[in-house]
Amino acid sequence: MTDEPGRYFREAWTAGVLRHYPGEPKPGYVAPWEATPEWERQAASAVFGQIHDFVQVSSGCTAKLSREQKGRFVALCWIAQIYKHFDDPKPSYVADWDALPAWQQETDADIFEHVERICISA
């Protein structure tokens, strides 16, 4: 792993957006790591760490979770980061799983599986 685990998270996010987003994604959705705001870098690193720890404490049994369960985990961890970094976030930033668009649900599941593969192969 690199010193910046958030990069792995961001790479998985960008790949997922490019794979699942209908039409042309917003430029901020696919901006490179270097152009990502500092709060978002911190959040990406934190959520990477939460996924990593979850995989480790379950001895890799997260592989038995459904894609939806994996995506929900990422979404919930991300919501907590939004609340950490913003006093009054827009409702769409903290929307519950069922309110997220399908492309974002799929991308969140992709992120979990990407981090999970890194953890299992390490």
Protein backbone atom coordinates (compact mmCIF):
# COMPACT_ATOMS: atom_id res chain seq x y z
CA MET A 1 0.00 0.00 0.00
CA THR A 2 1.05 3.58 -0.51
CA ASP A 3 1.33 6.21 2.18
CA GLU A 4 -1.93 7.65 0.91
CA PRO A 5 -4.59 4.93 1.08
CA GLY A 6 -7.15 7.52 0.06
CA ARG A 7 -5.68 7.35 -3.46
CA TYR A 8 -6.88 3.75 -3.74
CA PHE A 9 -10.33 4.85 -2.62
CA ARG A 10 -10.33 7.72 -5.12
CA GLU A 11 -9.12 5.49 -7.96
CA ALA A 12 -11.96 3.05 -7.26
CA TRP A 13 -14.46 5.92 -7.04
CA THR A 14 -13.31 7.37 -10.37
CA ALA A 15 -13.35 3.99 -12.09
CA GLY A 16 -16.84 3.30 -10.71
CA VAL A 17 -18.15 6.68 -11.83
CA LEU A 18 -16.76 6.13 -15.32
CA ARG A 19 -18.32 2.66 -15.40
CA HIS A 20 -21.74 3.39 -13.87
CA TYR A 21 -22.58 7.08 -14.24
CA PRO A 22 -25.23 7.68 -16.89
CA GLY A 23 -23.88 10.17 -19.41
CA GLU A 24 -21.03 12.57 -18.76
CA PRO A 25 -20.02 12.77 -15.07
CA LYS A 26 -19.39 16.09 -13.37
CA PRO A 27 -15.70 17.06 -13.61
CA GLY A 28 -15.31 16.93 -9.82
CA TYR A 29 -16.43 13.30 -9.82
CA VAL A 30 -13.45 12.27 -11.92
CA ALA A 31 -10.85 14.85 -10.90
CA PRO A 32 -7.40 13.40 -10.22
CA TRP A 33 -6.18 12.94 -6.66
CA GLU A 34 -4.04 16.05 -6.84
CA ALA A 35 -7.10 18.17 -7.69
CA THR A 36 -9.26 16.62 -4.97
CA PRO A 37 -10.07 18.98 -2.07
CA GLU A 38 -8.17 18.29 1.16
CA TRP A 39 -11.31 17.42 3.15
CA GLU A 40 -12.20 14.84 0.50
CA ARG A 41 -8.70 13.35 0.59
CA GLN A 42 -8.98 13.01 4.36
CA ALA A 43 -12.42 11.45 4.06
CA ALA A 44 -11.26 9.01 1.37
CA SER A 45 -8.33 7.93 3.55
CA ALA A 46 -10.58 7.52 6.58
CA VAL A 47 -13.14 5.40 4.74
CA PHE A 48 -10.38 3.30 3.16
CA GLY A 49 -9.16 2.67 6.71
CA GLN A 50 -12.61 1.71 7.91
CA ILE A 51 -13.06 -0.78 5.07
CA HIS A 52 -9.56 -2.12 5.65
CA ASP A 53 -10.19 -2.61 9.36
CA PHE A 54 -13.56 -4.23 8.72
CA VAL A 55 -12.01 -6.73 6.31
CA GLN A 56 -9.18 -7.46 8.77
CA VAL A 57 -11.33 -7.96 11.88
CA SER A 58 -13.62 -10.28 9.95
CA SER A 59 -10.63 -12.32 8.69
CA GLY A 60 -11.68 -11.65 5.10
CA CYS A 61 -15.18 -13.03 5.60
CA THR A 62 -16.49 -9.79 4.12
CA ALA A 63 -16.24 -11.70 0.84
CA LYS A 64 -19.50 -13.38 1.92
CA LEU A 65 -21.36 -10.06 2.07
CA SER A 66 -23.62 -9.06 -0.80
CA ARG A 67 -22.63 -6.17 -3.05
CA GLU A 68 -25.44 -4.16 -1.49
CA GLN A 69 -24.12 -4.78 2.02
CA LYS A 70 -20.65 -3.74 0.92
CA GLY A 71 -21.96 -0.61 -0.75
CA ARG A 72 -24.09 0.30 2.25
CA PHE A 73 -21.01 0.09 4.47
CA VAL A 74 -19.10 2.51 2.24
CA ALA A 75 -22.06 4.89 2.00
CA LEU A 76 -22.54 4.99 5.77
CA CYS A 77 -18.86 5.56 6.46
CA TRP A 78 -18.86 8.35 3.86
CA ILE A 79 -21.90 10.02 5.44
CA ALA A 80 -20.08 10.14 8.78
CA GLN A 81 -17.16 11.85 7.05
CA ILE A 82 -19.49 14.41 5.48
CA TYR A 83 -20.84 15.26 8.93
CA LYS A 84 -17.28 15.50 10.23
CA HIS A 85 -16.27 18.01 7.56
CA PHE A 86 -19.50 20.02 7.13
CA ASP A 87 -21.67 21.56 9.82
CA ASP A 88 -24.79 21.74 7.64
CA PRO A 89 -24.35 19.47 4.60
CA LYS A 90 -26.75 19.42 1.70
CA PRO A 91 -29.31 16.62 2.15
CA SER A 92 -28.05 14.89 -0.99
CA TYR A 93 -24.58 14.59 0.61
CA VAL A 94 -26.00 12.57 3.50
CA ALA A 95 -28.73 10.66 1.73
CA ASP A 96 -29.43 7.16 2.99
CA TRP A 97 -28.72 4.17 0.77
CA ASP A 98 -32.22 3.87 -0.66
CA ALA A 99 -32.12 7.51 -1.79
CA LEU A 100 -28.81 7.16 -3.66
CA PRO A 101 -28.87 6.83 -7.43
CA ALA A 102 -28.08 3.36 -8.76
CA TRP A 103 -24.75 4.52 -10.24
CA GLN A 104 -23.59 5.67 -6.82
CA GLN A 105 -24.72 2.45 -5.13
CA GLU A 106 -22.76 0.42 -7.68
CA THR A 107 -19.73 2.67 -7.32
CA ASP A 108 -19.78 2.32 -3.52
CA ALA A 109 -19.89 -1.47 -3.85
CA ASP A 110 -17.00 -1.31 -6.33
CA ILE A 111 -14.99 0.74 -3.84
CA PHE A 112 -15.51 -1.82 -1.08
CA GLU A 113 -14.51 -4.69 -3.36
CA HIS A 114 -11.43 -2.81 -4.58
CA VAL A 115 -10.22 -2.14 -1.04
CA GLU A 116 -11.14 -5.69 -0.01
CA ARG A 117 -8.94 -7.12 -2.79
CA ILE A 118 -6.04 -4.93 -1.67
CA CYS A 119 -6.44 -6.10 1.92
CA ILE A 120 -6.71 -9.77 1.08
CA SER A 121 -3.70 -9.71 -1.26
CA ALA A 122 -1.51 -7.76 1.19
